[in-house]
PDB file of N, CA and C in Angstrom:
ATOM      1  N   UNK A   1      -6.148  21.770 -14.420  1.00  0.00           N
ATOM      2  CA  UNK A   1      -7.531  21.377 -14.352  1.00  0.00           C
ATOM      3  C   UNK A   1      -8.376  22.546 -14.856  1.00  0.00           C
ATOM      4  N   UNK A   2      -8.695  22.495 -16.136  1.00  0.00           N
ATOM      5  CA  UNK A   2      -9.478  23.561 -16.743  1.00  0.00           C
ATOM      6  C   UNK A   2     -10.935  23.134 -16.810  1.00  0.00           C
ATOM      7  N   UNK A   3     -11.746  23.700 -15.956  1.00  0.00           N
ATOM      8  CA  UNK A   3     -13.158  23.336 -15.881  1.00  0.00           C
ATOM      9  C   UNK A   3     -14.016  24.124 -16.860  1.00  0.00           C
ATOM     10  N   UNK A   4     -13.526  25.257 -17.339  1.00  0.00           N
ATOM     11  CA  UNK A   4     -14.336  26.177 -18.137  1.00  0.00           C
ATOM     12  C   UNK A   4     -15.003  25.512 -19.339  1.00  0.00           C
ATOM     13  N   UNK A   5     -14.296  24.723 -20.163  1.00  0.00           N
ATOM     14  CA  UNK A   5     -14.993  24.108 -21.305  1.00  0.00           C
ATOM     15  C   UNK A   5     -16.175  23.233 -20.895  1.00  0.00           C
ATOM     16  N   UNK A   6     -16.014  22.485 -19.816  1.00  0.00           N
ATOM     17  CA  UNK A   6     -17.096  21.615 -19.348  1.00  0.00           C
ATOM     18  C   UNK A   6     -18.279  22.427 -18.821  1.00  0.00           C
ATOM     19  N   UNK A   7     -17.951  23.479 -18.080  1.00  0.00           N
ATOM     20  CA  UNK A   7     -19.009  24.321 -17.522  1.00  0.00           C
ATOM     21  C   UNK A   7     -19.746  25.074 -18.638  1.00  0.00           C
ATOM     22  N   UNK A   8     -18.972  25.564 -19.613  1.00  0.00           N
ATOM     23  CA  UNK A   8     -19.608  26.271 -20.733  1.00  0.00           C
ATOM     24  C   UNK A   8     -20.502  25.333 -21.533  1.00  0.00           C
ATOM     25  N   UNK A   9     -20.060  24.095 -21.722  1.00  0.00           N
ATOM     26  CA  UNK A   9     -20.885  23.125 -22.449  1.00  0.00           C
ATOM     27  C   UNK A   9     -22.174  22.844 -21.684  1.00  0.00           C
ATOM     28  N   UNK A  10     -22.066  22.721 -20.374  1.00  0.00           N
ATOM     29  CA  UNK A  10     -23.265  22.468 -19.558  1.00  0.00           C
ATOM     30  C   UNK A  10     -24.247  23.622 -19.662  1.00  0.00           C
ATOM     31  N   UNK A  11     -23.721  24.844 -19.766  1.00  0.00           N
ATOM     32  CA  UNK A  11     -24.583  26.023 -19.852  1.00  0.00           C
ATOM     33  C   UNK A  11     -24.832  26.481 -21.272  1.00  0.00           C
ATOM     34  N   UNK A  12     -24.449  25.665 -22.243  1.00  0.00           N
ATOM     35  CA  UNK A  12     -24.600  25.986 -23.672  1.00  0.00           C
ATOM     36  C   UNK A  12     -24.013  27.358 -23.986  1.00  0.00           C
ATOM     37  N   UNK A  13     -22.817  27.610 -23.444  1.00  0.00           N
ATOM     38  CA  UNK A  13     -22.105  28.852 -23.711  1.00  0.00           C
ATOM     39  C   UNK A  13     -22.399  29.967 -22.732  1.00  0.00           C
ATOM     40  N   UNK A  14     -23.326  29.777 -21.831  1.00  0.00           N
ATOM     41  CA  UNK A  14     -23.712  30.818 -20.866  1.00  0.00           C
ATOM     42  C   UNK A  14     -23.260  30.406 -19.475  1.00  0.00           C
ATOM     43  N   UNK A  15     -22.199  31.059 -18.987  1.00  0.00           N
ATOM     44  CA  UNK A  15     -21.673  30.707 -17.667  1.00  0.00           C
ATOM     45  C   UNK A  15     -22.614  31.081 -16.527  1.00  0.00           C
ATOM     46  N   UNK A  16     -23.585  31.958 -16.804  1.00  0.00           N
ATOM     47  CA  UNK A  16     -24.509  32.352 -15.741  1.00  0.00           C
ATOM     48  C   UNK A  16     -25.777  31.504 -15.720  1.00  0.00           C
ATOM     49  N   UNK A  17     -25.861  30.514 -16.597  1.00  0.00           N
ATOM     50  CA  UNK A  17     -27.050  29.655 -16.621  1.00  0.00           C
ATOM     51  C   UNK A  17     -27.078  28.761 -15.384  1.00  0.00           C
ATOM     52  N   UNK A  18     -28.256  28.326 -14.960  1.00  0.00           N
ATOM     53  CA  UNK A  18     -28.344  27.447 -13.783  1.00  0.00           C
ATOM     54  C   UNK A  18     -27.540  26.151 -13.943  1.00  0.00           C
ATOM     55  N   UNK A  19     -27.551  25.569 -15.144  1.00  0.00           N
ATOM     56  CA  UNK A  19     -26.812  24.320 -15.361  1.00  0.00           C
ATOM     57  C   UNK A  19     -25.306  24.540 -15.209  1.00  0.00           C
ATOM     58  N   UNK A  20     -24.795  25.641 -15.746  1.00  0.00           N
ATOM     59  CA  UNK A  20     -23.375  25.954 -15.634  1.00  0.00           C
ATOM     60  C   UNK A  20     -23.004  26.239 -14.181  1.00  0.00           C
ATOM     61  N   UNK A  21     -23.844  26.978 -13.499  1.00  0.00           N
ATOM     62  CA  UNK A  21     -23.569  27.293 -12.100  1.00  0.00           C
ATOM     63  C   UNK A  21     -23.595  26.041 -11.231  1.00  0.00           C
ATOM     64  N   UNK A  22     -24.507  25.153 -11.516  1.00  0.00           N
ATOM     65  CA  UNK A  22     -24.602  23.905 -10.748  1.00  0.00           C
ATOM     66  C   UNK A  22     -23.354  23.051 -10.957  1.00  0.00           C
ATOM     67  N   UNK A  23     -22.919  22.905 -12.210  1.00  0.00           N
ATOM     68  CA  UNK A  23     -21.725  22.105 -12.483  1.00  0.00           C
ATOM     69  C   UNK A  23     -20.488  22.768 -11.880  1.00  0.00           C
ATOM     70  N   UNK A  24     -20.381  24.089 -12.003  1.00  0.00           N
ATOM     71  CA  UNK A  24     -19.253  24.809 -11.410  1.00  0.00           C
ATOM     72  C   UNK A  24     -19.202  24.628  -9.907  1.00  0.00           C
ATOM     73  N   UNK A  25     -20.353  24.688  -9.275  1.00  0.00           N
ATOM     74  CA  UNK A  25     -20.425  24.481  -7.823  1.00  0.00           C
ATOM     75  C   UNK A  25     -20.000  23.055  -7.466  1.00  0.00           C
ATOM     76  N   UNK A  26     -20.445  22.086  -8.261  1.00  0.00           N
ATOM     77  CA  UNK A  26     -20.075  20.679  -8.015  1.00  0.00           C
ATOM     78  C   UNK A  26     -18.562  20.513  -8.128  1.00  0.00           C
ATOM     79  N   UNK A  27     -17.965  21.069  -9.194  1.00  0.00           N
ATOM     80  CA  UNK A  27     -16.512  20.976  -9.356  1.00  0.00           C
ATOM     81  C   UNK A  27     -15.786  21.632  -8.177  1.00  0.00           C
ATOM     82  N   UNK A  28     -16.261  22.785  -7.744  1.00  0.00           N
ATOM     83  CA  UNK A  28     -15.622  23.497  -6.642  1.00  0.00           C
ATOM     84  C   UNK A  28     -15.688  22.676  -5.354  1.00  0.00           C
ATOM     85  N   UNK A  29     -16.853  22.101  -5.076  1.00  0.00           N
ATOM     86  CA  UNK A  29     -17.024  21.327  -3.851  1.00  0.00           C
ATOM     87  C   UNK A  29     -16.157  20.073  -3.843  1.00  0.00           C
ATOM     88  N   UNK A  30     -16.074  19.378  -4.958  1.00  0.00           N
ATOM     89  CA  UNK A  30     -15.310  18.134  -4.993  1.00  0.00           C
ATOM     90  C   UNK A  30     -13.816  18.368  -5.122  1.00  0.00           C
ATOM     91  N   UNK A  31     -13.401  19.558  -5.563  1.00  0.00           N
ATOM     92  CA  UNK A  31     -11.971  19.802  -5.724  1.00  0.00           C
ATOM     93  C   UNK A  31     -11.248  19.787  -4.383  1.00  0.00           C
ATOM     94  N   UNK A  32     -11.911  20.183  -3.329  1.00  0.00           N
ATOM     95  CA  UNK A  32     -11.277  20.222  -2.012  1.00  0.00           C
ATOM     96  C   UNK A  32     -11.179  18.847  -1.372  1.00  0.00           C
ATOM     97  N   UNK A  33     -11.673  17.833  -2.043  1.00  0.00           N
ATOM     98  CA  UNK A  33     -11.663  16.498  -1.467  1.00  0.00           C
ATOM     99  C   UNK A  33     -10.537  15.637  -2.025  1.00  0.00           C
ATOM    100  N   UNK A  34      -9.594  16.249  -2.699  1.00  0.00           N
ATOM    101  CA  UNK A  34      -8.498  15.484  -3.283  1.00  0.00           C
ATOM    102  C   UNK A  34      -7.485  15.044  -2.260  1.00  0.00           C
ATOM    103  N   UNK A  35      -6.774  14.010  -2.614  1.00  0.00           N
ATOM    104  CA  UNK A  35      -5.739  13.441  -1.744  1.00  0.00           C
ATOM    105  C   UNK A  35      -4.505  14.345  -1.724  1.00  0.00           C
ATOM    106  N   UNK A  36      -4.212  14.999  -2.857  1.00  0.00           N
ATOM    107  CA  UNK A  36      -2.977  15.772  -2.994  1.00  0.00           C
ATOM    108  C   UNK A  36      -3.278  17.256  -3.147  1.00  0.00           C
ATOM    109  N   UNK A  37      -2.487  18.087  -2.468  1.00  0.00           N
ATOM    110  CA  UNK A  37      -2.635  19.531  -2.533  1.00  0.00           C
ATOM    111  C   UNK A  37      -1.348  20.114  -3.107  1.00  0.00           C
ATOM    112  N   UNK A  38      -1.489  20.994  -4.097  1.00  0.00           N
ATOM    113  CA  UNK A  38      -0.340  21.646  -4.703  1.00  0.00           C
ATOM    114  C   UNK A  38      -0.414  23.129  -4.397  1.00  0.00           C
ATOM    115  N   UNK A  39       0.669  23.663  -3.871  1.00  0.00           N
ATOM    116  CA  UNK A  39       0.791  25.091  -3.561  1.00  0.00           C
ATOM    117  C   UNK A  39      -0.328  25.581  -2.643  1.00  0.00           C
ATOM    118  N   UNK A  40      -0.825  24.719  -1.786  1.00  0.00           N
ATOM    119  CA  UNK A  40      -1.857  25.059  -0.803  1.00  0.00           C
ATOM    120  C   UNK A  40      -3.161  25.535  -1.447  1.00  0.00           C
ATOM    121  N   UNK A  41      -3.332  25.336  -2.764  1.00  0.00           N
ATOM    122  CA  UNK A  41      -4.515  25.877  -3.422  1.00  0.00           C
ATOM    123  C   UNK A  41      -5.195  24.917  -4.394  1.00  0.00           C
ATOM    124  N   UNK A  42      -4.445  24.043  -5.037  1.00  0.00           N
ATOM    125  CA  UNK A  42      -5.021  23.148  -6.042  1.00  0.00           C
ATOM    126  C   UNK A  42      -5.080  21.738  -5.476  1.00  0.00           C
ATOM    127  N   UNK A  43      -6.201  21.071  -5.691  1.00  0.00           N
ATOM    128  CA  UNK A  43      -6.420  19.733  -5.141  1.00  0.00           C
ATOM    129  C   UNK A  43      -6.518  18.718  -6.272  1.00  0.00           C
ATOM    130  N   UNK A  44      -5.897  17.561  -6.078  1.00  0.00           N
ATOM    131  CA  UNK A  44      -5.928  16.488  -7.061  1.00  0.00           C
ATOM    132  C   UNK A  44      -6.280  15.186  -6.360  1.00  0.00           C
ATOM    133  N   UNK A  45      -7.141  14.400  -6.988  1.00  0.00           N
ATOM    134  CA  UNK A  45      -7.550  13.143  -6.373  1.00  0.00           C
ATOM    135  C   UNK A  45      -6.828  11.938  -6.962  1.00  0.00           C
ATOM    136  N   UNK A  46      -6.042  12.144  -8.027  1.00  0.00           N
ATOM    137  CA  UNK A  46      -5.319  11.003  -8.588  1.00  0.00           C
ATOM    138  C   UNK A  46      -3.955  11.425  -9.116  1.00  0.00           C
ATOM    139  N   UNK A  47      -3.074  10.443  -9.244  1.00  0.00           N
ATOM    140  CA  UNK A  47      -1.709  10.711  -9.681  1.00  0.00           C
ATOM    141  C   UNK A  47      -1.622  11.112 -11.140  1.00  0.00           C
ATOM    142  N   UNK A  48      -2.558  10.653 -11.952  1.00  0.00           N
ATOM    143  CA  UNK A  48      -2.533  10.987 -13.376  1.00  0.00           C
ATOM    144  C   UNK A  48      -2.675  12.497 -13.560  1.00  0.00           C
ATOM    145  N   UNK A  49      -3.717  13.068 -12.971  1.00  0.00           N
ATOM    146  CA  UNK A  49      -3.942  14.513 -13.097  1.00  0.00           C
ATOM    147  C   UNK A  49      -2.807  15.300 -12.450  1.00  0.00           C
ATOM    148  N   UNK A  50      -2.322  14.827 -11.317  1.00  0.00           N
ATOM    149  CA  UNK A  50      -1.241  15.513 -10.626  1.00  0.00           C
ATOM    150  C   UNK A  50       0.034  15.511 -11.462  1.00  0.00           C
ATOM    151  N   UNK A  51       0.389  14.378 -12.041  1.00  0.00           N
ATOM    152  CA  UNK A  51       1.604  14.304 -12.852  1.00  0.00           C
ATOM    153  C   UNK A  51       1.484  15.163 -14.107  1.00  0.00           C
ATOM    154  N   UNK A  52       0.288  15.222 -14.697  1.00  0.00           N
ATOM    155  CA  UNK A  52       0.091  16.083 -15.862  1.00  0.00           C
ATOM    156  C   UNK A  52       0.260  17.545 -15.483  1.00  0.00           C
ATOM    157  N   UNK A  53      -0.307  17.949 -14.353  1.00  0.00           N
ATOM    158  CA  UNK A  53      -0.182  19.331 -13.907  1.00  0.00           C
ATOM    159  C   UNK A  53       1.276  19.691 -13.639  1.00  0.00           C
ATOM    160  N   UNK A  54       2.010  18.790 -12.977  1.00  0.00           N
ATOM    161  CA  UNK A  54       3.405  19.053 -12.628  1.00  0.00           C
ATOM    162  C   UNK A  54       4.354  18.834 -13.803  1.00  0.00           C
ATOM    163  N   UNK A  55       3.859  18.228 -14.856  1.00  0.00           N
ATOM    164  CA  UNK A  55       4.633  17.915 -16.059  1.00  0.00           C
ATOM    165  C   UNK A  55       5.823  17.013 -15.736  1.00  0.00           C
ATOM    166  N   UNK A  56       5.525  15.948 -14.995  1.00  0.00           N
ATOM    167  CA  UNK A  56       6.503  14.912 -14.675  1.00  0.00           C
ATOM    168  C   UNK A  56       5.839  13.559 -14.902  1.00  0.00           C
ATOM    169  N   UNK A  57       6.646  12.524 -15.012  1.00  0.00           N
ATOM    170  CA  UNK A  57       6.077  11.191 -15.194  1.00  0.00           C
ATOM    171  C   UNK A  57       5.486  10.697 -13.878  1.00  0.00           C
ATOM    172  N   UNK A  58       4.563   9.760 -13.990  1.00  0.00           N
ATOM    173  CA  UNK A  58       3.972   9.172 -12.793  1.00  0.00           C
ATOM    174  C   UNK A  58       5.011   8.386 -12.007  1.00  0.00           C
ATOM    175  N   UNK A  59       5.961   7.780 -12.709  1.00  0.00           N
ATOM    176  CA  UNK A  59       7.014   7.019 -12.032  1.00  0.00           C
ATOM    177  C   UNK A  59       7.849   7.960 -11.163  1.00  0.00           C
ATOM    178  N   UNK A  60       8.258   9.092 -11.729  1.00  0.00           N
ATOM    179  CA  UNK A  60       9.043  10.069 -10.970  1.00  0.00           C
ATOM    180  C   UNK A  60       8.237  10.572  -9.766  1.00  0.00           C
ATOM    181  N   UNK A  61       6.981  10.874  -9.991  1.00  0.00           N
ATOM    182  CA  UNK A  61       6.122  11.370  -8.920  1.00  0.00           C
ATOM    183  C   UNK A  61       5.985  10.336  -7.806  1.00  0.00           C
ATOM    184  N   UNK A  62       5.758   9.090  -8.165  1.00  0.00           N
ATOM    185  CA  UNK A  62       5.642   8.020  -7.158  1.00  0.00           C
ATOM    186  C   UNK A  62       6.946   7.848  -6.369  1.00  0.00           C
ATOM    187  N   UNK A  63       8.084   7.935  -7.058  1.00  0.00           N
ATOM    188  CA  UNK A  63       9.368   7.805  -6.361  1.00  0.00           C
ATOM    189  C   UNK A  63       9.561   8.932  -5.342  1.00  0.00           C
ATOM    190  N   UNK A  64       9.199  10.149  -5.718  1.00  0.00           N
ATOM    191  CA  UNK A  64       9.314  11.273  -4.786  1.00  0.00           C
ATOM    192  C   UNK A  64       8.365  11.101  -3.598  1.00  0.00           C
ATOM    193  N   UNK A  65       7.170  10.599  -3.866  1.00  0.00           N
ATOM    194  CA  UNK A  65       6.203  10.365  -2.787  1.00  0.00           C
ATOM    195  C   UNK A  65       6.678   9.250  -1.867  1.00  0.00           C
ATOM    196  N   UNK A  66       7.249   8.212  -2.454  1.00  0.00           N
ATOM    197  CA  UNK A  66       7.783   7.106  -1.654  1.00  0.00           C
ATOM    198  C   UNK A  66       8.901   7.597  -0.734  1.00  0.00           C
ATOM    199  N   UNK A  67       9.798   8.431  -1.264  1.00  0.00           N
ATOM    200  CA  UNK A  67      10.871   8.997  -0.444  1.00  0.00           C
ATOM    201  C   UNK A  67      10.293   9.827   0.703  1.00  0.00           C
ATOM    202  N   UNK A  68       9.308  10.648   0.387  1.00  0.00           N
ATOM    203  CA  UNK A  68       8.697  11.486   1.424  1.00  0.00           C
ATOM    204  C   UNK A  68       8.041  10.626   2.494  1.00  0.00           C
ATOM    205  N   UNK A  69       7.304   9.583   2.079  1.00  0.00           N
ATOM    206  CA  UNK A  69       6.668   8.689   3.049  1.00  0.00           C
ATOM    207  C   UNK A  69       7.708   8.003   3.930  1.00  0.00           C
ATOM    208  N   UNK A  70       8.790   7.530   3.316  1.00  0.00           N
ATOM    209  CA  UNK A  70       9.820   6.829   4.075  1.00  0.00           C
ATOM    210  C   UNK A  70      10.513   7.737   5.083  1.00  0.00           C
ATOM    211  N   UNK A  71      10.616   9.019   4.743  1.00  0.00           N
ATOM    212  CA  UNK A  71      11.290   9.973   5.626  1.00  0.00           C
ATOM    213  C   UNK A  71      10.317  10.724   6.535  1.00  0.00           C
ATOM    214  N   UNK A  72       9.043  10.359   6.492  1.00  0.00           N
ATOM    215  CA  UNK A  72       8.054  10.989   7.350  1.00  0.00           C
ATOM    216  C   UNK A  72       7.759  12.442   7.004  1.00  0.00           C
ATOM    217  N   UNK A  73       8.032  12.832   5.773  1.00  0.00           N
ATOM    218  CA  UNK A  73       7.786  14.217   5.358  1.00  0.00           C
ATOM    219  C   UNK A  73       6.345  14.372   4.896  1.00  0.00           C
ATOM    220  N   UNK A  74       5.774  15.522   5.160  1.00  0.00           N
ATOM    221  CA  UNK A  74       4.393  15.807   4.776  1.00  0.00           C
ATOM    222  C   UNK A  74       4.315  16.616   3.496  1.00  0.00           C
ATOM    223  N   UNK A  75       5.474  17.023   2.968  1.00  0.00           N
ATOM    224  CA  UNK A  75       5.488  17.777   1.727  1.00  0.00           C
ATOM    225  C   UNK A  75       6.832  17.611   1.038  1.00  0.00           C
ATOM    226  N   UNK A  76       6.852  17.905  -0.259  1.00  0.00           N
ATOM    227  CA  UNK A  76       8.079  17.939  -1.040  1.00  0.00           C
ATOM    228  C   UNK A  76       7.849  18.895  -2.208  1.00  0.00           C
ATOM    229  N   UNK A  77       8.899  19.213  -2.935  1.00  0.00           N
ATOM    230  CA  UNK A  77       8.811  20.192  -4.010  1.00  0.00           C
ATOM    231  C   UNK A  77       9.208  19.559  -5.340  1.00  0.00           C
ATOM    232  N   UNK A  78       8.432  19.875  -6.373  1.00  0.00           N
ATOM    233  CA  UNK A  78       8.742  19.506  -7.757  1.00  0.00           C
ATOM    234  C   UNK A  78       8.451  20.724  -8.622  1.00  0.00           C
ATOM    235  N   UNK A  79       9.423  21.100  -9.447  1.00  0.00           N
ATOM    236  CA  UNK A  79       9.244  22.215 -10.385  1.00  0.00           C
ATOM    237  C   UNK A  79       8.684  23.458  -9.698  1.00  0.00           C
ATOM    238  N   UNK A  80       9.234  23.809  -8.561  1.00  0.00           N
ATOM    239  CA  UNK A  80       8.817  24.986  -7.780  1.00  0.00           C
ATOM    240  C   UNK A  80       7.391  24.905  -7.254  1.00  0.00           C
ATOM    241  N   UNK A  81       6.804  23.708  -7.213  1.00  0.00           N
ATOM    242  CA  UNK A  81       5.478  23.498  -6.641  1.00  0.00           C
ATOM    243  C   UNK A  81       5.624  22.674  -5.359  1.00  0.00           C
ATOM    244  N   UNK A  82       4.904  23.069  -4.337  1.00  0.00           N
ATOM    245  CA  UNK A  82       4.908  22.335  -3.071  1.00  0.00           C
ATOM    246  C   UNK A  82       3.752  21.345  -3.102  1.00  0.00           C
ATOM    247  N   UNK A  83       4.060  20.070  -2.922  1.00  0.00           N
ATOM    248  CA  UNK A  83       3.056  19.010  -2.934  1.00  0.00           C
ATOM    249  C   UNK A  83       2.914  18.476  -1.515  1.00  0.00           C
ATOM    250  N   UNK A  84       1.660  18.418  -1.041  1.00  0.00           N
ATOM    251  CA  UNK A  84       1.345  17.901   0.293  1.00  0.00           C
ATOM    252  C   UNK A  84       0.218  16.890   0.157  1.00  0.00           C
ATOM    253  N   UNK A  85       0.061  16.028   1.148  1.00  0.00           N
ATOM    254  CA  UNK A  85      -1.138  15.202   1.169  1.00  0.00           C
ATOM    255  C   UNK A  85      -2.175  15.913   2.024  1.00  0.00           C
ATOM    256  N   UNK A  86      -3.430  15.637   1.765  1.00  0.00           N
ATOM    257  CA  UNK A  86      -4.534  16.358   2.386  1.00  0.00           C
ATOM    258  C   UNK A  86      -4.877  15.733   3.743  1.00  0.00           C
ATOM    259  N   UNK A  87      -4.201  16.192   4.793  1.00  0.00           N
ATOM    260  CA  UNK A  87      -4.481  15.615   6.114  1.00  0.00           C
ATOM    261  C   UNK A  87      -5.815  16.107   6.661  1.00  0.00           C
ATOM    262  N   UNK A  88      -6.401  17.155   6.080  1.00  0.00           N
ATOM    263  CA  UNK A  88      -7.740  17.588   6.490  1.00  0.00           C
ATOM    264  C   UNK A  88      -8.798  16.556   6.114  1.00  0.00           C
ATOM    265  N   UNK A  89      -8.504  15.740   5.113  1.00  0.00           N
ATOM    266  CA  UNK A  89      -9.409  14.676   4.703  1.00  0.00           C
ATOM    267  C   UNK A  89      -9.018  13.342   5.340  1.00  0.00           C
ATOM    268  N   UNK A  90      -8.072  13.359   6.273  1.00  0.00           N
ATOM    269  CA  UNK A  90      -7.695  12.161   7.007  1.00  0.00           C
ATOM    270  C   UNK A  90      -6.515  11.394   6.452  1.00  0.00           C
ATOM    271  N   UNK A  91      -5.888  11.881   5.383  1.00  0.00           N
ATOM    272  CA  UNK A  91      -4.740  11.178   4.823  1.00  0.00           C
ATOM    273  C   UNK A  91      -3.521  11.373   5.712  1.00  0.00           C
ATOM    274  N   UNK A  92      -2.722  10.302   5.857  1.00  0.00           N
ATOM    275  CA  UNK A  92      -1.548  10.364   6.717  1.00  0.00           C
ATOM    276  C   UNK A  92      -0.265  10.093   5.963  1.00  0.00           C
ATOM    277  N   UNK A  93      -0.367   9.899   4.637  1.00  0.00           N
ATOM    278  CA  UNK A  93       0.817   9.667   3.815  1.00  0.00           C
ATOM    279  C   UNK A  93       0.454   9.928   2.356  1.00  0.00           C
ATOM    280  N   UNK A  94       1.458   9.899   1.501  1.00  0.00           N
ATOM    281  CA  UNK A  94       1.224  10.103   0.078  1.00  0.00           C
ATOM    282  C   UNK A  94       0.698   8.839  -0.594  1.00  0.00           C
ATOM    283  N   UNK A  95       1.338   7.711  -0.337  1.00  0.00           N
ATOM    284  CA  UNK A  95       1.007   6.489  -1.067  1.00  0.00           C
ATOM    285  C   UNK A  95       0.418   5.380  -0.223  1.00  0.00           C
ATOM    286  N   UNK A  96       0.685   5.367   1.077  1.00  0.00           N
ATOM    287  CA  UNK A  96       0.182   4.294   1.925  1.00  0.00           C
ATOM    288  C   UNK A  96      -1.326   4.443   2.085  1.00  0.00           C
ATOM    289  N   UNK A  97      -2.061   3.338   2.019  1.00  0.00           N
ATOM    290  CA  UNK A  97      -3.514   3.428   2.228  1.00  0.00           C
ATOM    291  C   UNK A  97      -3.837   3.827   3.661  1.00  0.00           C
ATOM    292  N   UNK A  98      -4.994   4.438   3.826  1.00  0.00           N
ATOM    293  CA  UNK A  98      -5.427   4.829   5.166  1.00  0.00           C
ATOM    294  C   UNK A  98      -5.659   3.587   6.011  1.00  0.00           C
ATOM    295  N   UNK A  99      -5.312   3.670   7.282  1.00  0.00           N
ATOM    296  CA  UNK A  99      -5.556   2.517   8.153  1.00  0.00           C
ATOM    297  C   UNK A  99      -6.681   2.792   9.100  1.00  0.00           C
TER     298      UNK A  99
END
């Protein structure tokens, strides 16, 4: 998730401009609201972005999440990355909808 090009465009090349700072702050605030957490530091709100980051197919990612859900696991590993669901935001599984 490379935000720099978007932030630079908002600030017309100036990262210290108010527009760039506002967009950067917005990205930072919303990043913590993702369903999936990778390595306890990166947040993703959808499987597309997560699979691209992990460099795996969405099918493979869904199968691993399904296995974790079935076994009651809160995390699993892919390509040396630890993937967890964001229970701080109320999620209780990887794929099952919130009840």
